[in-house]
């Protein structure tokens, strides 16, 4: 899997988590721990995307 396709996959996962979060928060009896877990997962995915993007930028700088 190329880095670009991995980033695309992570972006899709982030969107899926955002949808799950919205659904959970819209429920009348939303669960605090579920919301907390989804937010944590979203943050981890976002951090991974940022790390990969940073690596791509650094690689392009050194390749020039």
C-alpha atoms as a PDB file:
ATOM      1  CA  UNK A   1       0.000   0.000   0.000  1.00  0.00           C
ATOM      2  CA  UNK A   2       1.408   3.366  -0.970  1.00  0.00           C
ATOM      3  CA  UNK A   3       1.620   6.131   1.584  1.00  0.00           C
ATOM      4  CA  UNK A   4      -0.938   8.161  -0.348  1.00  0.00           C
ATOM      5  CA  UNK A   5      -3.469   5.317  -0.349  1.00  0.00           C
ATOM      6  CA  UNK A   6      -2.801   4.734   3.349  1.00  0.00           C
ATOM      7  CA  UNK A   7      -3.522   8.423   4.034  1.00  0.00           C
ATOM      8  CA  UNK A   8      -6.727   8.161   1.983  1.00  0.00           C
ATOM      9  CA  UNK A   9      -7.735   5.121   4.027  1.00  0.00           C
ATOM     10  CA  UNK A  10      -7.030   6.979   7.259  1.00  0.00           C
ATOM     11  CA  UNK A  11      -9.079   9.963   6.052  1.00  0.00           C
ATOM     12  CA  UNK A  12     -11.991   7.611   5.337  1.00  0.00           C
ATOM     13  CA  UNK A  13     -11.641   6.102   8.804  1.00  0.00           C
ATOM     14  CA  UNK A  14     -11.585   9.597  10.340  1.00  0.00           C
ATOM     15  CA  UNK A  15     -14.815  10.465   8.490  1.00  0.00           C
ATOM     16  CA  UNK A  16     -16.410   7.223   9.656  1.00  0.00           C
ATOM     17  CA  UNK A  17     -15.459   8.014  13.240  1.00  0.00           C
ATOM     18  CA  UNK A  18     -16.878  11.535  12.855  1.00  0.00           C
ATOM     19  CA  UNK A  19     -20.183  10.030  11.695  1.00  0.00           C
ATOM     20  CA  UNK A  20     -20.212   7.573  14.612  1.00  0.00           C
ATOM     21  CA  UNK A  21     -19.495  10.430  17.016  1.00  0.00           C
ATOM     22  CA  UNK A  22     -22.327  12.542  15.605  1.00  0.00           C
ATOM     23  CA  UNK A  23     -24.727   9.616  15.860  1.00  0.00           C
ATOM     24  CA  UNK A  24     -23.713   8.837  19.428  1.00  0.00           C
ATOM     25  CA  UNK A  25     -23.988  12.456  20.519  1.00  0.00           C
ATOM     26  CA  UNK A  26     -27.438  12.749  18.926  1.00  0.00           C
ATOM     27  CA  UNK A  27     -28.778   9.840  20.963  1.00  0.00           C
ATOM     28  CA  UNK A  28     -30.852  10.906  23.963  1.00  0.00           C
ATOM     29  CA  UNK A  29     -28.941   8.519  26.213  1.00  0.00           C
ATOM     30  CA  UNK A  30     -25.486   8.944  24.699  1.00  0.00           C
ATOM     31  CA  UNK A  31     -22.695   7.171  26.517  1.00  0.00           C
ATOM     32  CA  UNK A  32     -19.873   9.375  27.798  1.00  0.00           C
ATOM     33  CA  UNK A  33     -17.306   6.571  27.562  1.00  0.00           C
ATOM     34  CA  UNK A  34     -18.255   5.703  23.998  1.00  0.00           C
ATOM     35  CA  UNK A  35     -17.947   9.364  23.008  1.00  0.00           C
ATOM     36  CA  UNK A  36     -14.593   9.596  24.759  1.00  0.00           C
ATOM     37  CA  UNK A  37     -13.348   6.448  22.988  1.00  0.00           C
ATOM     38  CA  UNK A  38     -14.436   7.666  19.553  1.00  0.00           C
ATOM     39  CA  UNK A  39     -12.762  11.038  20.129  1.00  0.00           C
ATOM     40  CA  UNK A  40      -9.562   9.296  21.172  1.00  0.00           C
ATOM     41  CA  UNK A  41      -9.636   7.118  18.051  1.00  0.00           C
ATOM     42  CA  UNK A  42     -10.203  10.198  15.881  1.00  0.00           C
ATOM     43  CA  UNK A  43      -7.242  11.941  17.474  1.00  0.00           C
ATOM     44  CA  UNK A  44      -4.962   8.950  16.924  1.00  0.00           C
ATOM     45  CA  UNK A  45      -5.992   8.741  13.267  1.00  0.00           C
ATOM     46  CA  UNK A  46      -5.475  12.488  12.789  1.00  0.00           C
ATOM     47  CA  UNK A  47      -2.030  12.288  14.410  1.00  0.00           C
ATOM     48  CA  UNK A  48      -1.081   9.392  12.099  1.00  0.00           C
ATOM     49  CA  UNK A  49      -2.223  11.374   9.052  1.00  0.00           C
ATOM     50  CA  UNK A  50      -0.174  14.365  10.213  1.00  0.00           C
ATOM     51  CA  UNK A  51       2.885  12.203  10.796  1.00  0.00           C
ATOM     52  CA  UNK A  52       2.648  10.631   7.361  1.00  0.00           C
ATOM     53  CA  UNK A  53       2.103  13.995   5.670  1.00  0.00           C
ATOM     54  CA  UNK A  54       5.128  15.410   7.496  1.00  0.00           C
ATOM     55  CA  UNK A  55       7.228  12.448   6.338  1.00  0.00           C
ATOM     56  CA  UNK A  56       6.122  12.982   2.734  1.00  0.00           C
ATOM     57  CA  UNK A  57       7.050  16.664   2.877  1.00  0.00           C
ATOM     58  CA  UNK A  58      10.429  15.936   4.448  1.00  0.00           C
ATOM     59  CA  UNK A  59      11.129  13.207   1.894  1.00  0.00           C
ATOM     60  CA  UNK A  60      10.323  15.581  -0.975  1.00  0.00           C
ATOM     61  CA  UNK A  61      12.601  18.244   0.499  1.00  0.00           C
ATOM     62  CA  UNK A  62      15.540  15.865   0.728  1.00  0.00           C
ATOM     63  CA  UNK A  63      14.861  14.383  -2.719  1.00  0.00           C
ATOM     64  CA  UNK A  64      15.127  17.803  -4.356  1.00  0.00           C
END
